[in-house]
PDB file of all heavy atoms in Angstrom:
ATOM      1  N   GLU A   1     -12.228   8.262   1.902  1.00  0.00           N
ATOM      2  CA  GLU A   1     -12.015   7.348   2.879  1.00  0.00           C
ATOM      3  C   GLU A   1     -10.662   6.590   2.794  1.00  0.00           C
ATOM      4  O   GLU A   1     -10.430   6.041   1.729  1.00  0.00           O
ATOM      5  CB  GLU A   1     -13.260   6.339   2.822  1.00  0.00           C
ATOM      6  CG  GLU A   1     -14.627   6.845   3.133  1.00  0.00           C
ATOM      7  CD  GLU A   1     -14.714   6.964   4.751  1.00  0.00           C
ATOM      8  OE1 GLU A   1     -13.795   6.526   5.456  1.00  0.00           O
ATOM      9  OE2 GLU A   1     -15.804   7.300   5.280  1.00  0.00           O
ATOM     10  N   SER A   2     -10.007   6.664   3.820  1.00  0.00           N
ATOM     11  CA  SER A   2      -8.630   5.898   3.760  1.00  0.00           C
ATOM     12  C   SER A   2      -8.850   4.444   3.482  1.00  0.00           C
ATOM     13  O   SER A   2      -9.818   3.746   3.993  1.00  0.00           O
ATOM     14  CB  SER A   2      -7.835   6.133   5.074  1.00  0.00           C
ATOM     15  OG  SER A   2      -8.521   5.641   6.135  1.00  0.00           O
ATOM     16  N   PRO A   3      -7.931   3.778   2.881  1.00  0.00           N
ATOM     17  CA  PRO A   3      -7.891   2.378   2.575  1.00  0.00           C
ATOM     18  C   PRO A   3      -7.411   1.534   3.734  1.00  0.00           C
ATOM     19  O   PRO A   3      -6.550   0.736   3.629  1.00  0.00           O
ATOM     20  CB  PRO A   3      -6.928   2.183   1.356  1.00  0.00           C
ATOM     21  CG  PRO A   3      -5.941   3.255   1.544  1.00  0.00           C
ATOM     22  CD  PRO A   3      -6.703   4.410   2.197  1.00  0.00           C
ATOM     23  N   THR A   4      -8.007   1.863   4.911  1.00  0.00           N
ATOM     24  CA  THR A   4      -7.537   1.162   6.152  1.00  0.00           C
ATOM     25  C   THR A   4      -8.509   0.424   6.830  1.00  0.00           C
ATOM     26  O   THR A   4      -8.467   0.163   8.060  1.00  0.00           O
ATOM     27  CB  THR A   4      -6.997   2.298   7.116  1.00  0.00           C
ATOM     28  OG1 THR A   4      -8.055   3.283   7.156  1.00  0.00           O
ATOM     29  CG2 THR A   4      -5.795   2.898   6.487  1.00  0.00           C
ATOM     30  N   TRP A   5      -9.474  -0.187   6.170  1.00  0.00           N
ATOM     31  CA  TRP A   5     -10.633  -0.963   6.686  1.00  0.00           C
ATOM     32  C   TRP A   5     -10.070  -2.181   7.580  1.00  0.00           C
ATOM     33  O   TRP A   5     -10.550  -2.596   8.438  1.00  0.00           O
ATOM     34  CB  TRP A   5     -11.566  -1.407   5.652  1.00  0.00           C
ATOM     35  CG  TRP A   5     -12.824  -2.094   6.123  1.00  0.00           C
ATOM     36  CD1 TRP A   5     -13.816  -1.633   6.661  1.00  0.00           C
ATOM     37  CD2 TRP A   5     -13.118  -3.493   5.790  1.00  0.00           C
ATOM     38  NE1 TRP A   5     -14.818  -2.484   6.871  1.00  0.00           N
ATOM     39  CE2 TRP A   5     -14.397  -3.689   6.421  1.00  0.00           C
ATOM     40  CE3 TRP A   5     -12.507  -4.467   5.135  1.00  0.00           C
ATOM     41  CZ2 TRP A   5     -15.057  -4.939   6.344  1.00  0.00           C
ATOM     42  CZ3 TRP A   5     -13.118  -5.693   5.076  1.00  0.00           C
ATOM     43  CH2 TRP A   5     -14.412  -5.955   5.615  1.00  0.00           C
ATOM     44  N   ARG A   6      -8.938  -2.770   7.061  1.00  0.00           N
ATOM     45  CA  ARG A   6      -8.333  -3.822   7.615  1.00  0.00           C
ATOM     46  C   ARG A   6      -7.095  -3.605   8.562  1.00  0.00           C
ATOM     47  O   ARG A   6      -6.459  -4.410   9.116  1.00  0.00           O
ATOM     48  CB  ARG A   6      -7.955  -4.804   6.558  1.00  0.00           C
ATOM     49  CG  ARG A   6      -9.048  -5.725   6.010  1.00  0.00           C
ATOM     50  CD  ARG A   6      -9.553  -6.753   6.949  1.00  0.00           C
ATOM     51  NE  ARG A   6     -10.204  -7.897   6.259  1.00  0.00           N
ATOM     52  CZ  ARG A   6     -11.229  -8.504   6.669  1.00  0.00           C
ATOM     53  NH1 ARG A   6     -11.957  -8.126   7.759  1.00  0.00           N
ATOM     54  NH2 ARG A   6     -11.727  -9.572   5.962  1.00  0.00           N
ATOM     55  N   ALA A   7      -6.817  -2.301   8.684  1.00  0.00           N
ATOM     56  CA  ALA A   7      -5.468  -1.891   9.366  1.00  0.00           C
ATOM     57  C   ALA A   7      -5.652  -1.821  10.814  1.00  0.00           C
ATOM     58  O   ALA A   7      -5.278  -0.763  11.501  1.00  0.00           O
ATOM     59  CB  ALA A   7      -5.003  -0.506   8.727  1.00  0.00           C
ATOM     60  N   ASN A   8      -6.206  -2.742  11.469  1.00  0.00           N
ATOM     61  CA  ASN A   8      -6.229  -2.997  12.993  1.00  0.00           C
ATOM     62  C   ASN A   8      -5.235  -4.119  13.413  1.00  0.00           C
ATOM     63  O   ASN A   8      -4.484  -4.566  12.586  1.00  0.00           O
ATOM     64  CB  ASN A   8      -7.599  -3.268  13.329  1.00  0.00           C
ATOM     65  CG  ASN A   8      -8.245  -4.588  12.885  1.00  0.00           C
ATOM     66  OD1 ASN A   8      -7.597  -5.569  12.589  1.00  0.00           O
ATOM     67  ND2 ASN A   8      -9.625  -4.592  12.681  1.00  0.00           N
ATOM     68  N   LYS A   9      -5.222  -4.355  14.677  1.00  0.00           N
ATOM     69  CA  LYS A   9      -4.177  -5.113  15.246  1.00  0.00           C
ATOM     70  C   LYS A   9      -4.311  -6.646  14.739  1.00  0.00           C
ATOM     71  O   LYS A   9      -3.222  -7.323  14.415  1.00  0.00           O
ATOM     72  CB  LYS A   9      -4.020  -5.048  16.647  1.00  0.00           C
ATOM     73  CG  LYS A   9      -3.424  -3.621  17.220  1.00  0.00           C
ATOM     74  CD  LYS A   9      -3.257  -3.703  18.682  1.00  0.00           C
ATOM     75  CE  LYS A   9      -4.394  -3.133  19.300  1.00  0.00           C
ATOM     76  NZ  LYS A   9      -4.376  -2.846  20.775  1.00  0.00           N
ATOM     77  N   ASP A  10      -5.545  -7.149  14.818  1.00  0.00           N
ATOM     78  CA  ASP A  10      -5.643  -8.507  14.433  1.00  0.00           C
ATOM     79  C   ASP A  10      -5.168  -8.781  13.015  1.00  0.00           C
ATOM     80  O   ASP A  10      -4.460  -9.759  12.787  1.00  0.00           O
ATOM     81  CB  ASP A  10      -7.116  -8.960  14.627  1.00  0.00           C
ATOM     82  CG  ASP A  10      -7.456  -9.330  16.180  1.00  0.00           C
ATOM     83  OD1 ASP A  10      -7.101  -8.533  16.964  1.00  0.00           O
ATOM     84  OD2 ASP A  10      -8.009 -10.485  16.360  1.00  0.00           O
ATOM     85  N   TRP A  11      -5.784  -8.116  12.078  1.00  0.00           N
ATOM     86  CA  TRP A  11      -5.481  -8.277  10.741  1.00  0.00           C
ATOM     87  C   TRP A  11      -4.107  -7.884  10.350  1.00  0.00           C
ATOM     88  O   TRP A  11      -3.213  -8.484   9.598  1.00  0.00           O
ATOM     89  CB  TRP A  11      -6.388  -7.541   9.762  1.00  0.00           C
ATOM     90  CG  TRP A  11      -7.806  -8.030   9.919  1.00  0.00           C
ATOM     91  CD1 TRP A  11      -8.911  -7.446  10.544  1.00  0.00           C
ATOM     92  CD2 TRP A  11      -8.320  -9.326   9.349  1.00  0.00           C
ATOM     93  NE1 TRP A  11      -9.996  -8.262  10.451  1.00  0.00           N
ATOM     94  CE2 TRP A  11      -9.739  -9.361   9.825  1.00  0.00           C
ATOM     95  CE3 TRP A  11      -7.891 -10.314   8.630  1.00  0.00           C
ATOM     96  CZ2 TRP A  11     -10.558 -10.467   9.485  1.00  0.00           C
ATOM     97  CZ3 TRP A  11      -8.601 -11.406   8.319  1.00  0.00           C
ATOM     98  CH2 TRP A  11     -10.004 -11.416   8.699  1.00  0.00           C
ATOM     99  N   GLY A  12      -3.517  -6.741  10.998  1.00  0.00           N
ATOM    100  CA  GLY A  12      -2.220  -6.338  10.807  1.00  0.00           C
ATOM    101  C   GLY A  12      -1.174  -7.301  11.294  1.00  0.00           C
ATOM    102  O   GLY A  12      -0.197  -7.656  10.551  1.00  0.00           O
ATOM    103  N   TYR A  13      -1.374  -7.886  12.387  1.00  0.00           N
ATOM    104  CA  TYR A  13      -0.507  -8.855  12.991  1.00  0.00           C
ATOM    105  C   TYR A  13      -0.438 -10.123  11.994  1.00  0.00           C
ATOM    106  O   TYR A  13       0.737 -10.707  11.776  1.00  0.00           O
ATOM    107  CB  TYR A  13      -0.861  -9.330  14.382  1.00  0.00           C
ATOM    108  CG  TYR A  13      -0.659  -8.311  15.394  1.00  0.00           C
ATOM    109  CD1 TYR A  13      -1.292  -8.475  16.691  1.00  0.00           C
ATOM    110  CD2 TYR A  13      -0.056  -7.028  15.221  1.00  0.00           C
ATOM    111  CE1 TYR A  13      -1.183  -7.399  17.693  1.00  0.00           C
ATOM    112  CE2 TYR A  13       0.082  -6.124  16.172  1.00  0.00           C
ATOM    113  CZ  TYR A  13      -0.531  -6.387  17.432  1.00  0.00           C
ATOM    114  OH  TYR A  13      -0.460  -5.398  18.357  1.00  0.00           O
ATOM    115  N   THR A  14      -1.573 -10.484  11.523  1.00  0.00           N
ATOM    116  CA  THR A  14      -1.564 -11.661  10.621  1.00  0.00           C
ATOM    117  C   THR A  14      -0.770 -11.318   9.388  1.00  0.00           C
ATOM    118  O   THR A  14      -0.136 -12.197   8.729  1.00  0.00           O
ATOM    119  CB  THR A  14      -3.058 -11.827  10.236  1.00  0.00           C
ATOM    120  OG1 THR A  14      -3.823 -12.250  11.304  1.00  0.00           O
ATOM    121  CG2 THR A  14      -3.127 -12.953   9.096  1.00  0.00           C
ATOM    122  N   LEU A  15      -0.656  -9.974   8.949  1.00  0.00           N
ATOM    123  CA  LEU A  15       0.032  -9.670   7.734  1.00  0.00           C
ATOM    124  C   LEU A  15       1.418  -9.244   8.039  1.00  0.00           C
ATOM    125  O   LEU A  15       2.108  -8.737   7.183  1.00  0.00           O
ATOM    126  CB  LEU A  15      -0.754  -8.511   7.049  1.00  0.00           C
ATOM    127  CG  LEU A  15      -2.054  -8.919   6.331  1.00  0.00           C
ATOM    128  CD1 LEU A  15      -2.932  -7.734   6.205  1.00  0.00           C
ATOM    129  CD2 LEU A  15      -1.914  -9.800   5.126  1.00  0.00           C
ATOM    130  N   GLY A  16       2.002  -9.391   9.222  1.00  0.00           N
ATOM    131  CA  GLY A  16       3.315  -9.198   9.488  1.00  0.00           C
ATOM    132  C   GLY A  16       3.537  -7.750  10.039  1.00  0.00           C
ATOM    133  O   GLY A  16       4.698  -7.277  10.078  1.00  0.00           O
ATOM    134  N   TYR A  17       2.608  -6.933  10.487  1.00  0.00           N
ATOM    135  CA  TYR A  17       2.694  -5.609  10.860  1.00  0.00           C
ATOM    136  C   TYR A  17       2.645  -5.665  12.417  1.00  0.00           C
ATOM    137  O   TYR A  17       1.825  -6.186  12.968  1.00  0.00           O
ATOM    138  CB  TYR A  17       1.616  -4.634  10.399  1.00  0.00           C
ATOM    139  CG  TYR A  17       1.677  -4.233   8.974  1.00  0.00           C
ATOM    140  CD1 TYR A  17       1.468  -5.266   8.036  1.00  0.00           C
ATOM    141  CD2 TYR A  17       2.019  -2.978   8.568  1.00  0.00           C
ATOM    142  CE1 TYR A  17       1.501  -4.944   6.593  1.00  0.00           C
ATOM    143  CE2 TYR A  17       2.026  -2.682   7.242  1.00  0.00           C
ATOM    144  CZ  TYR A  17       1.820  -3.627   6.198  1.00  0.00           C
ATOM    145  OH  TYR A  17       1.993  -3.241   4.948  1.00  0.00           O
ATOM    146  N   ASN A  18       3.601  -4.909  13.024  1.00  0.00           N
ATOM    147  CA  ASN A  18       3.522  -4.677  14.523  1.00  0.00           C
ATOM    148  C   ASN A  18       2.711  -3.402  14.821  1.00  0.00           C
ATOM    149  O   ASN A  18       2.332  -2.679  13.992  1.00  0.00           O
ATOM    150  CB  ASN A  18       4.898  -4.686  15.212  1.00  0.00           C
ATOM    151  CG  ASN A  18       5.799  -3.555  14.676  1.00  0.00           C
ATOM    152  OD1 ASN A  18       5.364  -2.368  14.381  1.00  0.00           O
ATOM    153  ND2 ASN A  18       7.056  -3.833  14.517  1.00  0.00           N
ATOM    154  N   GLU A  19       2.563  -3.151  16.068  1.00  0.00           N
ATOM    155  CA  GLU A  19       1.862  -1.987  16.450  1.00  0.00           C
ATOM    156  C   GLU A  19       2.413  -0.597  15.903  1.00  0.00           C
ATOM    157  O   GLU A  19       1.705   0.171  15.387  1.00  0.00           O
ATOM    158  CB  GLU A  19       1.730  -1.852  17.960  1.00  0.00           C
ATOM    159  CG  GLU A  19       0.706  -0.845  18.528  1.00  0.00           C
ATOM    160  CD  GLU A  19       0.441  -1.041  19.961  1.00  0.00           C
ATOM    161  OE1 GLU A  19       0.137  -2.087  20.365  1.00  0.00           O
ATOM    162  OE2 GLU A  19       0.459   0.054  20.654  1.00  0.00           O
ATOM    163  N   ASN A  20       3.650  -0.372  15.985  1.00  0.00           N
ATOM    164  CA  ASN A  20       4.257   0.731  15.408  1.00  0.00           C
ATOM    165  C   ASN A  20       4.043   0.889  13.906  1.00  0.00           C
ATOM    166  O   ASN A  20       3.787   1.918  13.398  1.00  0.00           O
ATOM    167  CB  ASN A  20       5.693   0.914  15.836  1.00  0.00           C
ATOM    168  CG  ASN A  20       5.986   1.211  17.209  1.00  0.00           C
ATOM    169  OD1 ASN A  20       5.179   1.904  17.839  1.00  0.00           O
ATOM    170  ND2 ASN A  20       7.111   0.791  17.782  1.00  0.00           N
ATOM    171  N   ASP A  21       4.227  -0.269  13.230  1.00  0.00           N
ATOM    172  CA  ASP A  21       3.904  -0.351  11.749  1.00  0.00           C
ATOM    173  C   ASP A  21       2.531   0.125  11.531  1.00  0.00           C
ATOM    174  O   ASP A  21       2.282   0.866  10.558  1.00  0.00           O
ATOM    175  CB  ASP A  21       4.166  -1.776  11.249  1.00  0.00           C
ATOM    176  CG  ASP A  21       5.576  -2.265  11.417  1.00  0.00           C
ATOM    177  OD1 ASP A  21       6.431  -1.481  11.378  1.00  0.00           O
ATOM    178  OD2 ASP A  21       5.755  -3.476  11.470  1.00  0.00           O
ATOM    179  N   LEU A  22       1.592  -0.319  12.246  1.00  0.00           N
ATOM    180  CA  LEU A  22       0.088  -0.011  11.985  1.00  0.00           C
ATOM    181  C   LEU A  22      -0.086   1.426  12.163  1.00  0.00           C
ATOM    182  O   LEU A  22      -0.948   2.074  11.410  1.00  0.00           O
ATOM    183  CB  LEU A  22      -0.758  -0.900  12.877  1.00  0.00           C
ATOM    184  CG  LEU A  22      -0.790  -2.337  12.478  1.00  0.00           C
ATOM    185  CD1 LEU A  22      -1.605  -3.202  13.660  1.00  0.00           C
ATOM    186  CD2 LEU A  22      -1.587  -2.607  11.182  1.00  0.00           C
ATOM    187  N   ILE A  23       0.452   1.997  13.221  1.00  0.00           N
ATOM    188  CA  ILE A  23       0.239   3.367  13.401  1.00  0.00           C
ATOM    189  C   ILE A  23       0.800   4.159  12.247  1.00  0.00           C
ATOM    190  O   ILE A  23       0.169   5.148  11.691  1.00  0.00           O
ATOM    191  CB  ILE A  23       1.063   3.836  14.737  1.00  0.00           C
ATOM    192  CG1 ILE A  23       0.306   3.267  15.959  1.00  0.00           C
ATOM    193  CG2 ILE A  23       1.095   5.411  14.810  1.00  0.00           C
ATOM    194  CD1 ILE A  23       1.122   3.557  17.355  1.00  0.00           C
ATOM    195  N   GLU A  24       2.006   3.753  11.803  1.00  0.00           N
ATOM    196  CA  GLU A  24       2.641   4.456  10.606  1.00  0.00           C
ATOM    197  C   GLU A  24       1.793   4.353   9.340  1.00  0.00           C
ATOM    198  O   GLU A  24       1.573   5.259   8.608  1.00  0.00           O
ATOM    199  CB  GLU A  24       4.069   3.805  10.467  1.00  0.00           C
ATOM    200  CG  GLU A  24       4.726   4.596   9.249  1.00  0.00           C
ATOM    201  CD  GLU A  24       6.279   3.949   9.088  1.00  0.00           C
ATOM    202  OE1 GLU A  24       6.629   3.235   9.915  1.00  0.00           O
ATOM    203  OE2 GLU A  24       6.868   4.252   8.017  1.00  0.00           O
ATOM    204  N   VAL A  25       1.322   3.118   9.162  1.00  0.00           N
ATOM    205  CA  VAL A  25       0.516   2.990   7.829  1.00  0.00           C
ATOM    206  C   VAL A  25      -0.895   3.583   7.898  1.00  0.00           C
ATOM    207  O   VAL A  25      -1.267   4.158   6.892  1.00  0.00           O
ATOM    208  CB  VAL A  25       0.381   1.438   7.557  1.00  0.00           C
ATOM    209  CG1 VAL A  25      -0.723   0.730   8.350  1.00  0.00           C
ATOM    210  CG2 VAL A  25       0.137   1.217   6.074  1.00  0.00           C
ATOM    211  N   ASN A  26      -1.482   3.681   9.060  1.00  0.00           N
ATOM    212  CA  ASN A  26      -2.778   4.458   9.170  1.00  0.00           C
ATOM    213  C   ASN A  26      -2.449   5.934   8.916  1.00  0.00           C
ATOM    214  O   ASN A  26      -3.259   6.601   8.266  1.00  0.00           O
ATOM    215  CB  ASN A  26      -3.365   4.163  10.413  1.00  0.00           C
ATOM    216  CG  ASN A  26      -4.066   2.910  10.515  1.00  0.00           C
ATOM    217  OD1 ASN A  26      -5.273   2.843  10.095  1.00  0.00           O
ATOM    218  ND2 ASN A  26      -3.538   1.964  11.187  1.00  0.00           N
ATOM    219  N   GLN A  27      -1.339   6.423   9.353  1.00  0.00           N
ATOM    220  CA  GLN A  27      -1.086   7.875   9.247  1.00  0.00           C
ATOM    221  C   GLN A  27      -0.619   8.130   7.832  1.00  0.00           C
ATOM    222  O   GLN A  27      -0.850   9.151   7.180  1.00  0.00           O
ATOM    223  CB  GLN A  27      -0.066   8.408  10.197  1.00  0.00           C
ATOM    224  CG  GLN A  27      -0.502   8.273  11.652  1.00  0.00           C
ATOM    225  CD  GLN A  27       0.598   8.692  12.667  1.00  0.00           C
ATOM    226  OE1 GLN A  27       1.745   8.632  12.432  1.00  0.00           O
ATOM    227  NE2 GLN A  27       0.117   9.348  13.848  1.00  0.00           N
ATOM    228  N   LYS A  28       0.070   7.141   7.209  1.00  0.00           N
ATOM    229  CA  LYS A  28       0.502   7.224   5.821  1.00  0.00           C
ATOM    230  C   LYS A  28      -0.678   7.358   4.850  1.00  0.00           C
ATOM    231  O   LYS A  28      -0.747   8.081   3.909  1.00  0.00           O
ATOM    232  CB  LYS A  28       1.325   6.179   5.427  1.00  0.00           C
ATOM    233  CG  LYS A  28       1.974   6.139   4.001  1.00  0.00           C
ATOM    234  CD  LYS A  28       2.738   4.873   3.621  1.00  0.00           C
ATOM    235  CE  LYS A  28       3.957   4.714   4.540  1.00  0.00           C
ATOM    236  NZ  LYS A  28       4.860   3.539   4.075  1.00  0.00           N
ATOM    237  N   ALA A  29      -1.754   6.680   5.220  1.00  0.00           N
ATOM    238  CA  ALA A  29      -3.065   6.651   4.485  1.00  0.00           C
ATOM    239  C   ALA A  29      -3.662   8.122   4.468  1.00  0.00           C
ATOM    240  O   ALA A  29      -4.066   8.426   3.468  1.00  0.00           O
ATOM    241  CB  ALA A  29      -4.026   5.680   5.038  1.00  0.00           C
ATOM    242  N   ILE A  30      -3.674   8.780   5.563  1.00  0.00           N
ATOM    243  CA  ILE A  30      -4.202  10.084   5.612  1.00  0.00           C
ATOM    244  C   ILE A  30      -3.265  11.086   4.847  1.00  0.00           C
ATOM    245  O   ILE A  30      -3.739  12.067   4.159  1.00  0.00           O
ATOM    246  CB  ILE A  30      -4.159  10.561   7.173  1.00  0.00           C
ATOM    247  CG1 ILE A  30      -5.147   9.617   7.979  1.00  0.00           C
ATOM    248  CG2 ILE A  30      -4.798  11.967   7.197  1.00  0.00           C
ATOM    249  CD1 ILE A  30      -6.547   9.468   7.371  1.00  0.00           C
ATOM    250  N   SER A  31      -2.009  10.894   4.905  1.00  0.00           N
ATOM    251  CA  SER A  31      -1.163  11.789   4.106  1.00  0.00           C
ATOM    252  C   SER A  31      -1.386  11.510   2.585  1.00  0.00           C
ATOM    253  O   SER A  31      -1.340  12.635   1.966  1.00  0.00           O
ATOM    254  CB  SER A  31       0.413  11.375   4.366  1.00  0.00           C
ATOM    255  OG  SER A  31       1.281  12.162   3.715  1.00  0.00           O
ATOM    256  N   LEU A  32      -1.666  10.412   2.212  1.00  0.00           N
ATOM    257  CA  LEU A  32      -2.043  10.062   0.764  1.00  0.00           C
ATOM    258  C   LEU A  32      -3.291  10.929   0.439  1.00  0.00           C
ATOM    259  O   LEU A  32      -3.201  11.544  -0.668  1.00  0.00           O
ATOM    260  CB  LEU A  32      -2.127   8.653   0.540  1.00  0.00           C
ATOM    261  CG  LEU A  32      -2.623   8.200  -0.845  1.00  0.00           C
ATOM    262  CD1 LEU A  32      -1.459   8.312  -1.881  1.00  0.00           C
ATOM    263  CD2 LEU A  32      -3.307   6.859  -0.824  1.00  0.00           C
ATOM    264  N   LEU A  33      -4.268  10.818   1.243  1.00  0.00           N
ATOM    265  CA  LEU A  33      -5.381  11.520   0.916  1.00  0.00           C
ATOM    266  C   LEU A  33      -5.309  12.932   0.901  1.00  0.00           C
ATOM    267  O   LEU A  33      -5.974  13.701   0.172  1.00  0.00           O
ATOM    268  CB  LEU A  33      -6.537  11.061   1.969  1.00  0.00           C
ATOM    269  CG  LEU A  33      -6.881   9.491   1.943  1.00  0.00           C
ATOM    270  CD1 LEU A  33      -8.075   9.344   2.859  1.00  0.00           C
ATOM    271  CD2 LEU A  33      -7.282   9.100   0.522  1.00  0.00           C
ATOM    272  N   GLU A  34      -4.411  13.571   1.716  1.00  0.00           N
ATOM    273  CA  GLU A  34      -4.169  14.933   1.803  1.00  0.00           C
ATOM    274  C   GLU A  34      -3.609  15.457   0.479  1.00  0.00           C
ATOM    275  O   GLU A  34      -3.981  16.539  -0.009  1.00  0.00           O
ATOM    276  CB  GLU A  34      -3.247  15.342   2.967  1.00  0.00           C
ATOM    277  CG  GLU A  34      -3.839  15.239   4.324  1.00  0.00           C
ATOM    278  CD  GLU A  34      -2.850  15.435   5.430  1.00  0.00           C
ATOM    279  OE1 GLU A  34      -1.632  15.260   5.186  1.00  0.00           O
ATOM    280  OE2 GLU A  34      -3.340  15.705   6.555  1.00  0.00           O
ATOM    281  N   GLY A  35      -2.746  14.627  -0.059  1.00  0.00           N
ATOM    282  CA  GLY A  35      -2.245  14.941  -1.433  1.00  0.00           C
ATOM    283  C   GLY A  35      -3.215  14.888  -2.465  1.00  0.00           C
ATOM    284  O   GLY A  35      -3.255  15.847  -3.367  1.00  0.00           O
ATOM    285  N   ILE A  36      -4.097  14.025  -2.421  1.00  0.00           N
ATOM    286  CA  ILE A  36      -5.168  13.831  -3.427  1.00  0.00           C
ATOM    287  C   ILE A  36      -6.289  15.059  -3.297  1.00  0.00           C
ATOM    288  O   ILE A  36      -6.632  15.738  -4.235  1.00  0.00           O
ATOM    289  CB  ILE A  36      -6.058  12.574  -3.230  1.00  0.00           C
ATOM    290  CG1 ILE A  36      -5.061  11.353  -3.542  1.00  0.00           C
ATOM    291  CG2 ILE A  36      -7.201  12.480  -4.065  1.00  0.00           C
ATOM    292  CD1 ILE A  36      -5.625   9.961  -3.267  1.00  0.00           C
ATOM    293  N   LYS A  37      -6.509  15.432  -2.061  1.00  0.00           N
ATOM    294  CA  LYS A  37      -7.304  16.629  -1.775  1.00  0.00           C
ATOM    295  C   LYS A  37      -6.715  17.831  -2.401  1.00  0.00           C
ATOM    296  O   LYS A  37      -7.536  18.713  -2.988  1.00  0.00           O
ATOM    297  CB  LYS A  37      -7.601  16.767  -0.242  1.00  0.00           C
ATOM    298  CG  LYS A  37      -8.445  18.007   0.146  1.00  0.00           C
ATOM    299  CD  LYS A  37      -8.444  18.054   1.724  1.00  0.00           C
ATOM    300  CE  LYS A  37      -9.267  19.348   1.887  1.00  0.00           C
ATOM    301  NZ  LYS A  37      -9.676  19.451   3.490  1.00  0.00           N
ATOM    302  N   ALA A  38      -5.426  18.047  -2.172  1.00  0.00           N
ATOM    303  CA  ALA A  38      -4.719  19.213  -2.600  1.00  0.00           C
ATOM    304  C   ALA A  38      -4.960  19.399  -4.155  1.00  0.00           C
ATOM    305  O   ALA A  38      -5.072  20.516  -4.797  1.00  0.00           O
ATOM    306  CB  ALA A  38      -3.366  19.197  -2.271  1.00  0.00           C
TER     307      ALA A  38
END
């Protein structure tokens, strides 16, 4: 499970992330898990 439980717009904006940042960090989470799976 990716560590993205809070990686939505409301919490993301509060933490200084814009929409593009959030898309990138959610995809980065999946990439991390792919390496772990391998």
